[in-house]
PDB file of N, CA and C in Angstrom:
ATOM      1  N   MET A   1      -6.463 -15.904   2.270  1.00  0.00           N
ATOM      2  CA  MET A   1      -5.929 -14.601   2.667  1.00  0.00           C
ATOM      3  C   MET A   1      -6.653 -13.451   1.891  1.00  0.00           C
ATOM      4  N   GLU A   2      -7.317 -13.815   0.780  1.00  0.00           N
ATOM      5  CA  GLU A   2      -7.981 -12.830  -0.009  1.00  0.00           C
ATOM      6  C   GLU A   2      -9.228 -12.272   0.772  1.00  0.00           C
ATOM      7  N   LYS A   3      -9.870 -13.128   1.581  1.00  0.00           N
ATOM      8  CA  LYS A   3     -11.032 -12.665   2.377  1.00  0.00           C
ATOM      9  C   LYS A   3     -10.573 -11.697   3.449  1.00  0.00           C
ATOM     10  N   VAL A   4      -9.446 -11.910   4.029  1.00  0.00           N
ATOM     11  CA  VAL A   4      -8.927 -11.026   5.092  1.00  0.00           C
ATOM     12  C   VAL A   4      -8.628  -9.635   4.490  1.00  0.00           C
ATOM     13  N   SER A   5      -7.945  -9.630   3.345  1.00  0.00           N
ATOM     14  CA  SER A   5      -7.569  -8.351   2.678  1.00  0.00           C
ATOM     15  C   SER A   5      -8.841  -7.576   2.312  1.00  0.00           C
ATOM     16  N   LEU A   6      -9.833  -8.289   1.808  1.00  0.00           N
ATOM     17  CA  LEU A   6     -11.074  -7.594   1.427  1.00  0.00           C
ATOM     18  C   LEU A   6     -11.765  -7.012   2.606  1.00  0.00           C
ATOM     19  N   SER A   7     -11.852  -7.734   3.691  1.00  0.00           N
ATOM     20  CA  SER A   7     -12.584  -7.209   4.845  1.00  0.00           C
ATOM     21  C   SER A   7     -11.806  -5.997   5.471  1.00  0.00           C
ATOM     22  N   ILE A   8     -10.480  -6.021   5.463  1.00  0.00           N
ATOM     23  CA  ILE A   8      -9.699  -4.919   6.038  1.00  0.00           C
ATOM     24  C   ILE A   8      -9.866  -3.713   5.065  1.00  0.00           C
ATOM     25  N   THR A   9      -9.825  -3.915   3.783  1.00  0.00           N
ATOM     26  CA  THR A   9     -10.002  -2.825   2.848  1.00  0.00           C
ATOM     27  C   THR A   9     -11.310  -2.151   2.913  1.00  0.00           C
ATOM     28  N   VAL A  10     -12.408  -2.949   2.897  1.00  0.00           N
ATOM     29  CA  VAL A  10     -13.741  -2.418   2.940  1.00  0.00           C
ATOM     30  C   VAL A  10     -14.002  -1.604   4.226  1.00  0.00           C
ATOM     31  N   THR A  11     -13.561  -2.219   5.390  1.00  0.00           N
ATOM     32  CA  THR A  11     -13.767  -1.519   6.655  1.00  0.00           C
ATOM     33  C   THR A  11     -12.973  -0.207   6.740  1.00  0.00           C
ATOM     34  N   THR A  12     -11.704  -0.269   6.310  1.00  0.00           N
ATOM     35  CA  THR A  12     -10.869   0.968   6.371  1.00  0.00           C
ATOM     36  C   THR A  12     -11.409   2.045   5.436  1.00  0.00           C
ATOM     37  N   LEU A  13     -11.842   1.713   4.239  1.00  0.00           N
ATOM     38  CA  LEU A  13     -12.392   2.653   3.349  1.00  0.00           C
ATOM     39  C   LEU A  13     -13.706   3.217   3.875  1.00  0.00           C
ATOM     40  N   GLY A  14     -14.522   2.392   4.476  1.00  0.00           N
ATOM     41  CA  GLY A  14     -15.787   2.848   5.041  1.00  0.00           C
ATOM     42  C   GLY A  14     -15.524   3.825   6.205  1.00  0.00           C
ATOM     43  N   LEU A  15     -14.520   3.593   6.977  1.00  0.00           N
ATOM     44  CA  LEU A  15     -14.170   4.465   8.103  1.00  0.00           C
ATOM     45  C   LEU A  15     -13.672   5.831   7.565  1.00  0.00           C
ATOM     46  N   LEU A  16     -12.811   5.760   6.536  1.00  0.00           N
ATOM     47  CA  LEU A  16     -12.319   7.059   5.959  1.00  0.00           C
ATOM     48  C   LEU A  16     -13.524   7.865   5.374  1.00  0.00           C
ATOM     49  N   PHE A  17     -14.411   7.169   4.691  1.00  0.00           N
ATOM     50  CA  PHE A  17     -15.600   7.810   4.139  1.00  0.00           C
ATOM     51  C   PHE A  17     -16.458   8.438   5.261  1.00  0.00           C
ATOM     52  N   PHE A  18     -16.557   7.720   6.352  1.00  0.00           N
ATOM     53  CA  PHE A  18     -17.338   8.218   7.514  1.00  0.00           C
ATOM     54  C   PHE A  18     -16.649   9.514   8.047  1.00  0.00           C
ATOM     55  N   VAL A  19     -15.369   9.577   8.162  1.00  0.00           N
ATOM     56  CA  VAL A  19     -14.719  10.749   8.656  1.00  0.00           C
ATOM     57  C   VAL A  19     -14.946  11.942   7.696  1.00  0.00           C
ATOM     58  N   ILE A  20     -14.930  11.691   6.410  1.00  0.00           N
ATOM     59  CA  ILE A  20     -15.241  12.730   5.406  1.00  0.00           C
ATOM     60  C   ILE A  20     -16.679  13.199   5.577  1.00  0.00           C
ATOM     61  N   LEU A  21     -17.552  12.208   5.763  1.00  0.00           N
ATOM     62  CA  LEU A  21     -18.997  12.598   5.930  1.00  0.00           C
ATOM     63  C   LEU A  21     -19.220  13.423   7.182  1.00  0.00           C
ATOM     64  N   CYS A  22     -18.458  13.250   8.199  1.00  0.00           N
ATOM     65  CA  CYS A  22     -18.682  13.966   9.476  1.00  0.00           C
ATOM     66  C   CYS A  22     -18.297  15.432   9.292  1.00  0.00           C
ATOM     67  N   SER A  23     -17.469  15.736   8.283  1.00  0.00           N
ATOM     68  CA  SER A  23     -17.095  17.191   8.087  1.00  0.00           C
ATOM     69  C   SER A  23     -18.062  17.861   7.163  1.00  0.00           C
ATOM     70  N   LEU A  24     -19.007  17.101   6.510  1.00  0.00           N
ATOM     71  CA  LEU A  24     -19.918  17.701   5.596  1.00  0.00           C
ATOM     72  C   LEU A  24     -21.243  17.906   6.263  1.00  0.00           C
ATOM     73  N   PRO A  25     -22.131  18.751   5.783  1.00  0.00           N
ATOM     74  CA  PRO A  25     -23.453  18.970   6.379  1.00  0.00           C
ATOM     75  C   PRO A  25     -24.399  17.810   6.006  1.00  0.00           C
ATOM     76  N   VAL A  26     -24.260  16.699   6.748  1.00  0.00           N
ATOM     77  CA  VAL A  26     -25.072  15.530   6.537  1.00  0.00           C
ATOM     78  C   VAL A  26     -26.014  15.362   7.747  1.00  0.00           C
ATOM     79  N   SER A  27     -27.139  14.770   7.562  1.00  0.00           N
ATOM     80  CA  SER A  27     -28.113  14.611   8.692  1.00  0.00           C
ATOM     81  C   SER A  27     -27.476  13.674   9.715  1.00  0.00           C
ATOM     82  N   LEU A  28     -27.809  13.931  10.954  1.00  0.00           N
ATOM     83  CA  LEU A  28     -27.276  13.139  12.040  1.00  0.00           C
ATOM     84  C   LEU A  28     -27.816  11.687  11.979  1.00  0.00           C
ATOM     85  N   SER A  29     -29.075  11.539  11.624  1.00  0.00           N
ATOM     86  CA  SER A  29     -29.640  10.191  11.592  1.00  0.00           C
ATOM     87  C   SER A  29     -28.953   9.345  10.550  1.00  0.00           C
ATOM     88  N   PHE A  30     -28.536   9.966   9.387  1.00  0.00           N
ATOM     89  CA  PHE A  30     -27.771   9.144   8.409  1.00  0.00           C
ATOM     90  C   PHE A  30     -26.428   8.762   8.947  1.00  0.00           C
ATOM     91  N   LEU A  31     -25.740   9.679   9.672  1.00  0.00           N
ATOM     92  CA  LEU A  31     -24.439   9.319  10.241  1.00  0.00           C
ATOM     93  C   LEU A  31     -24.523   8.233  11.286  1.00  0.00           C
ATOM     94  N   GLN A  32     -25.644   8.254  12.052  1.00  0.00           N
ATOM     95  CA  GLN A  32     -25.796   7.212  13.032  1.00  0.00           C
ATOM     96  C   GLN A  32     -26.025   5.876  12.403  1.00  0.00           C
ATOM     97  N   LEU A  33     -26.838   5.813  11.328  1.00  0.00           N
ATOM     98  CA  LEU A  33     -27.050   4.574  10.644  1.00  0.00           C
ATOM     99  C   LEU A  33     -25.724   4.052   9.975  1.00  0.00           C
ATOM    100  N   TYR A  34     -24.985   4.982   9.452  1.00  0.00           N
ATOM    101  CA  TYR A  34     -23.726   4.660   8.845  1.00  0.00           C
ATOM    102  C   TYR A  34     -22.724   4.126   9.864  1.00  0.00           C
ATOM    103  N   LEU A  35     -22.763   4.731  11.075  1.00  0.00           N
ATOM    104  CA  LEU A  35     -21.912   4.292  12.197  1.00  0.00           C
ATOM    105  C   LEU A  35     -22.258   2.887  12.536  1.00  0.00           C
ATOM    106  N   PHE A  36     -23.527   2.554  12.666  1.00  0.00           N
ATOM    107  CA  PHE A  36     -23.937   1.220  13.010  1.00  0.00           C
ATOM    108  C   PHE A  36     -23.498   0.170  11.982  1.00  0.00           C
ATOM    109  N   ALA A  37     -23.541   0.585  10.687  1.00  0.00           N
ATOM    110  CA  ALA A  37     -23.041  -0.219   9.585  1.00  0.00           C
ATOM    111  C   ALA A  37     -21.554  -0.403   9.743  1.00  0.00           C
ATOM    112  N   LEU A  38     -20.837   0.604  10.149  1.00  0.00           N
ATOM    113  CA  LEU A  38     -19.361   0.487  10.310  1.00  0.00           C
ATOM    114  C   LEU A  38     -19.053  -0.508  11.456  1.00  0.00           C
ATOM    115  N   ILE A  39     -19.845  -0.464  12.527  1.00  0.00           N
ATOM    116  CA  ILE A  39     -19.669  -1.423  13.622  1.00  0.00           C
ATOM    117  C   ILE A  39     -19.889  -2.780  13.144  1.00  0.00           C
ATOM    118  N   GLY A  40     -20.888  -3.004  12.295  1.00  0.00           N
ATOM    119  CA  GLY A  40     -21.068  -4.378  11.705  1.00  0.00           C
ATOM    120  C   GLY A  40     -19.938  -4.757  10.863  1.00  0.00           C
ATOM    121  N   SER A  41     -19.377  -3.859  10.055  1.00  0.00           N
ATOM    122  CA  SER A  41     -18.264  -4.227   9.226  1.00  0.00           C
ATOM    123  C   SER A  41     -16.915  -4.482  10.081  1.00  0.00           C
ATOM    124  N   LEU A  42     -16.890  -3.803  11.165  1.00  0.00           N
ATOM    125  CA  LEU A  42     -15.744  -4.098  12.091  1.00  0.00           C
ATOM    126  C   LEU A  42     -15.829  -5.526  12.658  1.00  0.00           C
ATOM    127  N   LEU A  43     -17.034  -5.856  13.049  1.00  0.00           N
ATOM    128  CA  LEU A  43     -17.271  -7.244  13.592  1.00  0.00           C
ATOM    129  C   LEU A  43     -16.982  -8.255  12.436  1.00  0.00           C
ATOM    130  N   TRP A  44     -17.414  -7.962  11.249  1.00  0.00           N
ATOM    131  CA  TRP A  44     -17.177  -8.867  10.112  1.00  0.00           C
ATOM    132  C   TRP A  44     -15.615  -8.990   9.869  1.00  0.00           C
ATOM    133  N   MET A  45     -14.908  -7.938  10.002  1.00  0.00           N
ATOM    134  CA  MET A  45     -13.508  -7.919   9.799  1.00  0.00           C
ATOM    135  C   MET A  45     -12.784  -8.782  10.844  1.00  0.00           C
ATOM    136  N   VAL A  46     -13.179  -8.581  12.140  1.00  0.00           N
ATOM    137  CA  VAL A  46     -12.532  -9.322  13.210  1.00  0.00           C
ATOM    138  C   VAL A  46     -12.800 -10.831  13.064  1.00  0.00           C
ATOM    139  N   ILE A  47     -14.038 -11.162  12.751  1.00  0.00           N
ATOM    140  CA  ILE A  47     -14.431 -12.605  12.601  1.00  0.00           C
ATOM    141  C   ILE A  47     -13.697 -13.194  11.444  1.00  0.00           C
ATOM    142  N   THR A  48     -13.554 -12.451  10.307  1.00  0.00           N
ATOM    143  CA  THR A  48     -12.867 -12.948   9.117  1.00  0.00           C
ATOM    144  C   THR A  48     -11.386 -13.185   9.449  1.00  0.00           C
ATOM    145  N   ILE A  49     -10.780 -12.239  10.189  1.00  0.00           N
ATOM    146  CA  ILE A  49      -9.338 -12.366  10.524  1.00  0.00           C
ATOM    147  C   ILE A  49      -9.142 -13.591  11.450  1.00  0.00           C
ATOM    148  N   LEU A  50     -10.037 -13.754  12.457  1.00  0.00           N
ATOM    149  CA  LEU A  50      -9.879 -14.874  13.391  1.00  0.00           C
ATOM    150  C   LEU A  50     -10.120 -16.177  12.667  1.00  0.00           C
ATOM    151  N   LYS A  51     -11.032 -16.269  11.734  1.00  0.00           N
ATOM    152  CA  LYS A  51     -11.338 -17.493  11.102  1.00  0.00           C
ATOM    153  C   LYS A  51     -10.367 -17.852   9.946  1.00  0.00           C
ATOM    154  N   ASN A  52      -9.904 -16.858   9.225  1.00  0.00           N
ATOM    155  CA  ASN A  52      -9.044 -17.100   8.019  1.00  0.00           C
ATOM    156  C   ASN A  52      -7.619 -16.568   8.094  1.00  0.00           C
ATOM    157  N   GLY A  53      -7.292 -15.913   9.208  1.00  0.00           N
ATOM    158  CA  GLY A  53      -5.994 -15.344   9.316  1.00  0.00           C
ATOM    159  C   GLY A  53      -4.904 -16.415   9.545  1.00  0.00           C
ATOM    160  N   LYS A  54      -3.701 -16.174   9.167  1.00  0.00           N
ATOM    161  CA  LYS A  54      -2.606 -17.082   9.347  1.00  0.00           C
ATOM    162  C   LYS A  54      -1.910 -16.816  10.720  1.00  0.00           C
ATOM    163  N   PRO A  55      -1.890 -17.728  11.596  1.00  0.00           N
ATOM    164  CA  PRO A  55      -1.263 -17.529  12.870  1.00  0.00           C
ATOM    165  C   PRO A  55       0.271 -17.412  12.749  1.00  0.00           C
ATOM    166  N   SER A  56       0.861 -16.749  13.670  1.00  0.00           N
ATOM    167  CA  SER A  56       2.343 -16.616  13.671  1.00  0.00           C
ATOM    168  C   SER A  56       2.988 -17.945  14.016  1.00  0.00           C
ATOM    169  N   SER A  57       4.152 -18.204  13.419  1.00  0.00           N
ATOM    170  CA  SER A  57       4.899 -19.409  13.772  1.00  0.00           C
ATOM    171  C   SER A  57       5.833 -19.224  14.963  1.00  0.00           C
ATOM    172  N   HIS A  58       5.868 -17.989  15.508  1.00  0.00           N
ATOM    173  CA  HIS A  58       6.715 -17.754  16.674  1.00  0.00           C
ATOM    174  C   HIS A  58       5.917 -17.677  17.936  1.00  0.00           C
ATOM    175  N   THR A  59       6.522 -17.954  19.046  1.00  0.00           N
ATOM    176  CA  THR A  59       5.849 -17.835  20.369  1.00  0.00           C
ATOM    177  C   THR A  59       6.177 -16.420  20.895  1.00  0.00           C
ATOM    178  N   PHE A  60       5.510 -16.131  21.964  1.00  0.00           N
ATOM    179  CA  PHE A  60       5.704 -14.768  22.606  1.00  0.00           C
ATOM    180  C   PHE A  60       7.153 -14.696  23.162  1.00  0.00           C
ATOM    181  N   ASP A  61       7.657 -15.779  23.620  1.00  0.00           N
ATOM    182  CA  ASP A  61       9.060 -15.717  24.127  1.00  0.00           C
ATOM    183  C   ASP A  61      10.122 -15.584  23.018  1.00  0.00           C
ATOM    184  N   ASP A  62       9.781 -16.174  21.866  1.00  0.00           N
ATOM    185  CA  ASP A  62      10.740 -16.044  20.770  1.00  0.00           C
ATOM    186  C   ASP A  62      10.818 -14.592  20.241  1.00  0.00           C
ATOM    187  N   ARG A  63       9.673 -14.070  19.954  1.00  0.00           N
ATOM    188  CA  ARG A  63       9.576 -12.727  19.395  1.00  0.00           C
ATOM    189  C   ARG A  63       8.445 -11.942  20.099  1.00  0.00           C
ATOM    190  N   PHE A  64       8.794 -10.874  20.842  1.00  0.00           N
ATOM    191  CA  PHE A  64       7.755 -10.094  21.476  1.00  0.00           C
ATOM    192  C   PHE A  64       6.869  -9.476  20.425  1.00  0.00           C
ATOM    193  N   TYR A  65       7.441  -8.889  19.391  1.00  0.00           N
ATOM    194  CA  TYR A  65       6.712  -8.400  18.209  1.00  0.00           C
ATOM    195  C   TYR A  65       7.034  -9.361  17.139  1.00  0.00           C
ATOM    196  N   ASP A  66       6.061  -9.651  16.288  1.00  0.00           N
ATOM    197  CA  ASP A  66       6.232 -10.691  15.204  1.00  0.00           C
ATOM    198  C   ASP A  66       7.158 -10.168  14.090  1.00  0.00           C
ATOM    199  N   ASP A  67       7.303  -8.812  13.974  1.00  0.00           N
ATOM    200  CA  ASP A  67       8.063  -8.305  12.866  1.00  0.00           C
ATOM    201  C   ASP A  67       9.549  -8.102  13.170  1.00  0.00           C
ATOM    202  N   ALA A  68       9.960  -8.235  14.391  1.00  0.00           N
ATOM    203  CA  ALA A  68      11.373  -8.045  14.719  1.00  0.00           C
ATOM    204  C   ALA A  68      11.803  -9.102  15.721  1.00  0.00           C
ATOM    205  N   ASP A  69      13.020  -9.500  15.636  1.00  0.00           N
ATOM    206  CA  ASP A  69      13.568 -10.496  16.566  1.00  0.00           C
ATOM    207  C   ASP A  69      14.054  -9.809  17.835  1.00  0.00           C
ATOM    208  N   LEU A  70      13.107  -9.610  18.768  1.00  0.00           N
ATOM    209  CA  LEU A  70      13.400  -8.901  20.018  1.00  0.00           C
ATOM    210  C   LEU A  70      13.201  -9.877  21.220  1.00  0.00           C
ATOM    211  N   GLY A  71      13.704 -11.043  21.091  1.00  0.00           N
ATOM    212  CA  GLY A  71      13.542 -12.075  22.125  1.00  0.00           C
ATOM    213  C   GLY A  71      14.257 -11.653  23.368  1.00  0.00           C
ATOM    214  N   PRO A  72      14.133 -12.457  24.431  1.00  0.00           N
ATOM    215  CA  PRO A  72      14.774 -12.140  25.730  1.00  0.00           C
ATOM    216  C   PRO A  72      16.265 -12.133  25.550  1.00  0.00           C
ATOM    217  N   HIS A  73      16.919 -11.190  26.258  1.00  0.00           N
ATOM    218  CA  HIS A  73      18.385 -11.074  26.137  1.00  0.00           C
ATOM    219  C   HIS A  73      19.068 -11.830  27.219  1.00  0.00           C
TER     220      HIS A  73
END
């Protein structure tokens, strides 16, 4: 689970830094390169979650959302 947390943290912080950079006078080519790096980190995050994430023990019919018991009435 440590790999999942690391990938989520790095990708989120990279996105926040990108938003900050967009408001500063930075060259457009640098922002484009940074955006491509963010897309790569997003793919890394998704693959890490799919490979190392813990699946839910509930089915869709048991719980519509995994965090609340909202099964069929």
